[in-house]
Amino acid sequence: MVRIFSFLVGFGFSVIGFVYIISYLNLFSLGYNLGEYVHFIFSKAECLIGPLGLFIISLAIFIPGGKKDELHI
């Protein structure tokens, strides 16, 4: 149950973070270059929760858990 909850939390973080990253692509139309855009993305906390969500998802998938006799699919 904890793995499902952590997977869903990670998924929610990923969606929120990457929606912000995609929405900030409008900065290119204001004259920002790629270096300034990447610096801006790394300075915003709401954009950093996207990769954090991917990390939580990978932990929920790849760390073994459960009972010894449980079937893992």
C-alpha atoms as a PDB file:
ATOM      1  CA  MET A   1       0.000   0.000   0.000  1.00  0.00           C
ATOM      2  CA  VAL A   2       2.892   2.353   0.769  1.00  0.00           C
ATOM      3  CA  ARG A   3       4.411   1.666  -2.645  1.00  0.00           C
ATOM      4  CA  ILE A   4       1.182   2.564  -4.426  1.00  0.00           C
ATOM      5  CA  PHE A   5       0.864   5.760  -2.389  1.00  0.00           C
ATOM      6  CA  SER A   6       4.470   6.771  -3.048  1.00  0.00           C
ATOM      7  CA  PHE A   7       4.036   5.987  -6.753  1.00  0.00           C
ATOM      8  CA  LEU A   8       0.976   8.236  -6.936  1.00  0.00           C
ATOM      9  CA  VAL A   9       2.685  11.035  -5.003  1.00  0.00           C
ATOM     10  CA  GLY A  10       5.686  10.793  -7.321  1.00  0.00           C
ATOM     11  CA  PHE A  11       3.409  10.850 -10.337  1.00  0.00           C
ATOM     12  CA  GLY A  12       1.647  13.957  -9.045  1.00  0.00           C
ATOM     13  CA  PHE A  13       4.967  15.697  -8.367  1.00  0.00           C
ATOM     14  CA  SER A  14       6.187  14.803 -11.854  1.00  0.00           C
ATOM     15  CA  VAL A  15       3.081  16.148 -13.531  1.00  0.00           C
ATOM     16  CA  ILE A  16       3.148  19.404 -11.586  1.00  0.00           C
ATOM     17  CA  GLY A  17       6.861  19.961 -12.094  1.00  0.00           C
ATOM     18  CA  PHE A  18       6.938  19.225 -15.793  1.00  0.00           C
ATOM     19  CA  VAL A  19       3.834  21.318 -16.464  1.00  0.00           C
ATOM     20  CA  TYR A  20       5.693  24.273 -14.959  1.00  0.00           C
ATOM     21  CA  ILE A  21       8.806  23.494 -17.001  1.00  0.00           C
ATOM     22  CA  ILE A  22       6.778  23.345 -20.206  1.00  0.00           C
ATOM     23  CA  SER A  23       4.852  26.496 -19.346  1.00  0.00           C
ATOM     24  CA  TYR A  24       8.103  28.391 -18.768  1.00  0.00           C
ATOM     25  CA  LEU A  25       9.084  27.637 -22.376  1.00  0.00           C
ATOM     26  CA  ASN A  26       7.279  30.894 -23.163  1.00  0.00           C
ATOM     27  CA  LEU A  27      10.378  32.676 -21.886  1.00  0.00           C
ATOM     28  CA  PHE A  28      12.040  31.913 -25.219  1.00  0.00           C
ATOM     29  CA  SER A  29       9.569  34.235 -26.915  1.00  0.00           C
ATOM     30  CA  LEU A  30      10.669  37.013 -24.534  1.00  0.00           C
ATOM     31  CA  GLY A  31      14.284  36.735 -25.686  1.00  0.00           C
ATOM     32  CA  TYR A  32      15.801  34.292 -23.200  1.00  0.00           C
ATOM     33  CA  ASN A  33      18.468  31.942 -24.529  1.00  0.00           C
ATOM     34  CA  LEU A  34      18.923  28.303 -23.493  1.00  0.00           C
ATOM     35  CA  GLY A  35      21.456  29.023 -20.744  1.00  0.00           C
ATOM     36  CA  GLU A  36      19.260  31.642 -19.111  1.00  0.00           C
ATOM     37  CA  TYR A  37      16.259  29.323 -19.365  1.00  0.00           C
ATOM     38  CA  VAL A  38      18.083  26.430 -17.686  1.00  0.00           C
ATOM     39  CA  HIS A  39      19.353  28.751 -14.939  1.00  0.00           C
ATOM     40  CA  PHE A  40      15.804  30.033 -14.411  1.00  0.00           C
ATOM     41  CA  ILE A  41      14.374  26.493 -14.251  1.00  0.00           C
ATOM     42  CA  PHE A  42      16.951  25.372 -11.684  1.00  0.00           C
ATOM     43  CA  SER A  43      16.195  28.394  -9.520  1.00  0.00           C
ATOM     44  CA  LYS A  44      12.470  27.641  -9.229  1.00  0.00           C
ATOM     45  CA  ALA A  45      11.332  25.139  -6.590  1.00  0.00           C
ATOM     46  CA  GLU A  46       8.156  24.194  -8.447  1.00  0.00           C
ATOM     47  CA  CYS A  47      10.238  23.056 -11.404  1.00  0.00           C
ATOM     48  CA  LEU A  48      12.558  20.947  -9.274  1.00  0.00           C
ATOM     49  CA  ILE A  49       9.760  18.750  -7.967  1.00  0.00           C
ATOM     50  CA  GLY A  50       9.417  17.201 -11.445  1.00  0.00           C
ATOM     51  CA  PRO A  51      12.717  15.285 -11.271  1.00  0.00           C
ATOM     52  CA  LEU A  52      12.038  14.616  -7.579  1.00  0.00           C
ATOM     53  CA  GLY A  53       8.773  12.956  -8.610  1.00  0.00           C
ATOM     54  CA  LEU A  54      10.610  10.771 -11.120  1.00  0.00           C
ATOM     55  CA  PHE A  55      13.033   9.763  -8.372  1.00  0.00           C
ATOM     56  CA  ILE A  56      10.158   8.822  -6.031  1.00  0.00           C
ATOM     57  CA  ILE A  57       8.508   6.801  -8.817  1.00  0.00           C
ATOM     58  CA  SER A  58      11.726   4.905  -9.498  1.00  0.00           C
ATOM     59  CA  LEU A  59      12.133   4.159  -5.792  1.00  0.00           C
ATOM     60  CA  ALA A  60       8.560   2.872  -5.606  1.00  0.00           C
ATOM     61  CA  ILE A  61       9.110   0.601  -8.600  1.00  0.00           C
ATOM     62  CA  PHE A  62      12.616  -0.747  -8.091  1.00  0.00           C
ATOM     63  CA  ILE A  63      13.040  -1.126  -4.316  1.00  0.00           C
ATOM     64  CA  PRO A  64      11.895  -4.595  -3.333  1.00  0.00           C
ATOM     65  CA  GLY A  65       9.362  -4.816  -0.576  1.00  0.00           C
ATOM     66  CA  GLY A  66       6.432  -6.770   0.664  1.00  0.00           C
ATOM     67  CA  LYS A  67       6.277 -10.186   2.196  1.00  0.00           C
ATOM     68  CA  LYS A  68       8.694 -12.919   1.270  1.00  0.00           C
ATOM     69  CA  ASP A  69       5.991 -15.138  -0.214  1.00  0.00           C
ATOM     70  CA  GLU A  70       4.315 -12.328  -2.124  1.00  0.00           C
ATOM     71  CA  LEU A  71       4.204 -12.524  -5.905  1.00  0.00           C
ATOM     72  CA  HIS A  72       5.959  -9.552  -7.512  1.00  0.00           C
ATOM     73  CA  ILE A  73       4.838  -8.620 -10.994  1.00  0.00           C
END
